Amino acid sequence: MASERQKKPAPSALLGALPANAKLPAVQASLLEAVGLLKEPSALAALHRAFEEKDPAVAKAAVAAAGLHHNAASMEPLLDLLKKLDRILKADAAGNLTAGNVGGYDVGSRDDLEHKRAQELKPVALKALQAISGESFAASVDWHAWWA
C-alpha cells in the first residue's frame, strides 16, 4: 500500500521539471522517458500534450512513453498525431520543400523542419500504436479504419 502512494509523486516531479528545462531538449526527453517507465496513468495527459513539442527528440520521447503505458487512452491522441504527420509528409511530397542546411539537416524553412520532425516521429507513433493495440498496421489509413 505504501509503495502505491509513493508511485504517484515521481511522475509529477518529473513532469514538473519539464518547464525548467525548456531550453534543454535532451533533458526533457530523458524526463519523459522516465515517466514512461513508471507507467503511471495520471501522466498520460501530459505525455499527450508533449506530442506537439517542436523538438523531435522531446516529441519522440513523449510518444514512446505513451506506448510503454499500453493504455487505450493514448489511441485517439496517437491517431490524431498520425493524421497530422501524414498531412505534413503528403504536403511535402507535393514539392513544398526548400534547400538549405541547419544543424546537419538539409532544411531551409519552418516547413522543412516540420517535415524532418514528421519523418522522425511517424515510426515512433506507429510503434506506440502497435505496443498499445497488439496490431501491426503500417498504413495510417488502416489504423484509422481499424479504430473507427
Protein backbone atom coordinates (compact mmCIF):
# COMPACT_ATOMS: atom_id res chain seq x y z
CA MET A 1 0.00 0.00 0.00
CA ALA A 2 2.78 2.43 0.85
CA SER A 3 4.51 1.72 -2.46
CA GLU A 4 1.34 2.72 -4.35
CA ARG A 5 1.35 6.08 -2.58
CA GLN A 6 5.00 6.57 -3.46
CA LYS A 7 4.48 5.92 -7.18
CA LYS A 8 2.33 8.95 -7.95
CA PRO A 9 4.70 11.73 -6.80
CA ALA A 10 7.51 10.54 -9.07
CA PRO A 11 5.74 11.25 -12.39
CA SER A 12 4.51 14.58 -11.06
CA ALA A 13 8.03 15.57 -10.03
CA LEU A 14 9.47 14.52 -13.38
CA LEU A 15 6.77 16.31 -15.35
CA GLY A 16 7.15 19.35 -13.13
CA ALA A 17 10.81 19.58 -14.15
CA LEU A 18 9.93 19.95 -17.86
CA PRO A 19 9.38 23.75 -17.89
CA ALA A 20 12.62 24.42 -16.01
CA ASN A 21 14.45 22.51 -18.74
CA ALA A 22 12.66 24.09 -21.71
CA LYS A 23 15.98 25.03 -23.34
CA LEU A 24 17.42 21.55 -22.82
CA PRO A 25 15.52 19.17 -25.09
CA ALA A 26 17.76 16.20 -24.24
CA VAL A 27 16.90 16.64 -20.55
CA GLN A 28 13.20 16.96 -21.36
CA ALA A 29 13.36 13.80 -23.46
CA SER A 30 15.05 11.93 -20.59
CA LEU A 31 12.39 13.12 -18.15
CA LEU A 32 9.62 11.90 -20.47
CA GLU A 33 11.37 8.56 -20.96
CA ALA A 34 11.49 8.13 -17.18
CA VAL A 35 7.79 8.97 -16.92
CA GLY A 36 7.09 6.27 -19.49
CA LEU A 37 8.96 3.68 -17.47
CA LEU A 38 6.85 4.47 -14.40
CA LYS A 39 3.64 3.67 -16.35
CA GLU A 40 1.52 5.94 -14.17
CA PRO A 41 -1.84 6.57 -15.95
CA SER A 42 -2.15 10.02 -14.37
CA ALA A 43 0.82 11.13 -16.52
CA LEU A 44 -0.84 10.32 -19.85
CA ALA A 45 -2.45 13.74 -20.39
CA ALA A 46 0.93 15.44 -20.00
CA LEU A 47 2.54 12.94 -22.36
CA HIS A 48 -0.19 13.57 -24.92
CA ARG A 49 0.40 17.34 -24.73
CA ALA A 50 4.12 16.75 -25.29
CA PHE A 51 3.36 15.03 -28.63
CA GLU A 52 3.16 18.57 -30.04
CA GLU A 53 6.62 19.66 -28.89
CA LYS A 54 8.58 21.13 -31.78
CA ASP A 55 11.82 19.40 -30.86
CA PRO A 56 11.69 15.91 -32.40
CA ALA A 57 13.60 14.29 -29.53
CA VAL A 58 11.09 15.58 -26.98
CA ALA A 59 8.05 14.62 -29.05
CA LYS A 60 9.50 11.17 -29.79
CA ALA A 61 10.18 10.58 -26.10
CA ALA A 62 6.60 11.53 -25.22
CA VAL A 63 5.14 9.25 -27.90
CA ALA A 64 7.38 6.33 -26.91
CA ALA A 65 6.50 6.87 -23.24
CA ALA A 66 2.79 6.74 -24.07
CA GLY A 67 3.38 3.47 -25.90
CA LEU A 68 5.07 1.98 -22.84
CA HIS A 69 1.88 2.56 -20.85
CA HIS A 70 -0.10 0.13 -23.05
CA ASN A 71 -3.17 2.23 -22.25
CA ALA A 72 -6.02 2.59 -24.76
CA ALA A 73 -6.47 6.19 -23.59
CA SER A 74 -3.49 7.03 -25.83
CA MET A 75 -5.04 5.63 -29.01
CA GLU A 76 -7.01 8.76 -30.02
CA PRO A 77 -4.13 11.19 -29.35
CA LEU A 78 -1.74 8.93 -31.24
CA LEU A 79 -4.14 8.57 -34.18
CA ASP A 80 -4.64 12.34 -34.24
CA LEU A 81 -0.87 12.79 -34.28
CA LEU A 82 -0.52 10.24 -37.07
CA LYS A 83 -3.07 12.14 -39.14
CA LYS A 84 -1.16 15.42 -38.67
CA LEU A 85 2.14 13.79 -39.56
CA ASP A 86 0.67 12.28 -42.71
CA ARG A 87 -0.66 15.68 -43.77
CA ILE A 88 2.78 17.22 -43.37
CA LEU A 89 4.50 14.41 -45.24
CA LYS A 90 1.95 14.44 -48.08
CA ALA A 91 2.20 18.21 -48.48
CA ASP A 92 5.97 17.94 -48.60
CA ALA A 93 5.79 15.15 -51.17
CA ALA A 94 3.93 17.63 -53.36
CA GLY A 95 7.10 19.73 -53.54
CA ASN A 96 6.82 22.27 -50.74
CA LEU A 97 10.42 21.93 -49.52
CA THR A 98 13.29 24.35 -49.97
CA ALA A 99 17.02 23.70 -49.74
CA GLY A 100 19.49 24.63 -47.01
CA ASN A 101 21.33 23.17 -44.03
CA VAL A 102 20.57 23.64 -40.32
CA GLY A 103 22.24 21.54 -37.66
CA GLY A 104 23.36 18.97 -40.18
CA TYR A 105 19.88 18.61 -41.67
CA ASP A 106 19.08 19.71 -45.18
CA VAL A 107 16.39 22.24 -44.41
CA GLY A 108 15.54 25.74 -45.44
CA SER A 109 12.28 26.75 -43.82
CA ARG A 110 9.92 26.03 -40.97
CA ASP A 111 8.08 23.64 -43.31
CA ASP A 112 11.31 21.70 -43.82
CA LEU A 113 11.81 21.39 -40.06
CA GLU A 114 8.23 20.15 -39.70
CA HIS A 115 8.89 17.61 -42.45
CA LYS A 116 12.03 16.34 -40.69
CA ARG A 117 10.10 16.15 -37.40
CA ALA A 118 7.27 14.24 -39.09
CA GLN A 119 9.73 11.79 -40.68
CA GLU A 120 11.33 11.10 -37.31
CA LEU A 121 8.11 10.94 -35.32
CA LYS A 122 5.92 8.77 -37.55
CA PRO A 123 7.77 5.45 -36.97
CA VAL A 124 7.70 6.07 -33.22
CA ALA A 125 3.97 6.78 -33.34
CA LEU A 126 3.35 3.58 -35.31
CA LYS A 127 5.42 1.57 -32.82
CA ALA A 128 3.45 3.07 -29.89
CA LEU A 129 0.15 2.21 -31.56
CA GLN A 130 1.37 -1.34 -32.12
CA ALA A 131 2.50 -1.67 -28.49
CA ILE A 132 -0.85 -0.48 -27.16
CA SER A 133 -3.12 -2.38 -29.53
CA GLY A 134 -1.19 -5.51 -30.42
CA GLU A 135 -2.00 -4.76 -34.07
CA SER A 136 0.69 -4.26 -36.71
CA PHE A 137 -0.71 -1.98 -39.39
CA ALA A 138 1.84 0.02 -41.37
CA ALA A 139 -0.50 2.46 -43.12
CA SER A 140 -2.27 5.26 -41.29
CA VAL A 141 -5.48 4.62 -43.18
CA ASP A 142 -5.53 1.06 -41.82
CA TRP A 143 -5.09 2.31 -38.24
CA HIS A 144 -7.93 4.78 -38.60
CA ALA A 145 -10.23 2.22 -40.23
CA TRP A 146 -9.48 -0.36 -37.54
CA TRP A 147 -10.05 2.09 -34.67
CA ALA A 148 -13.26 3.58 -36.12
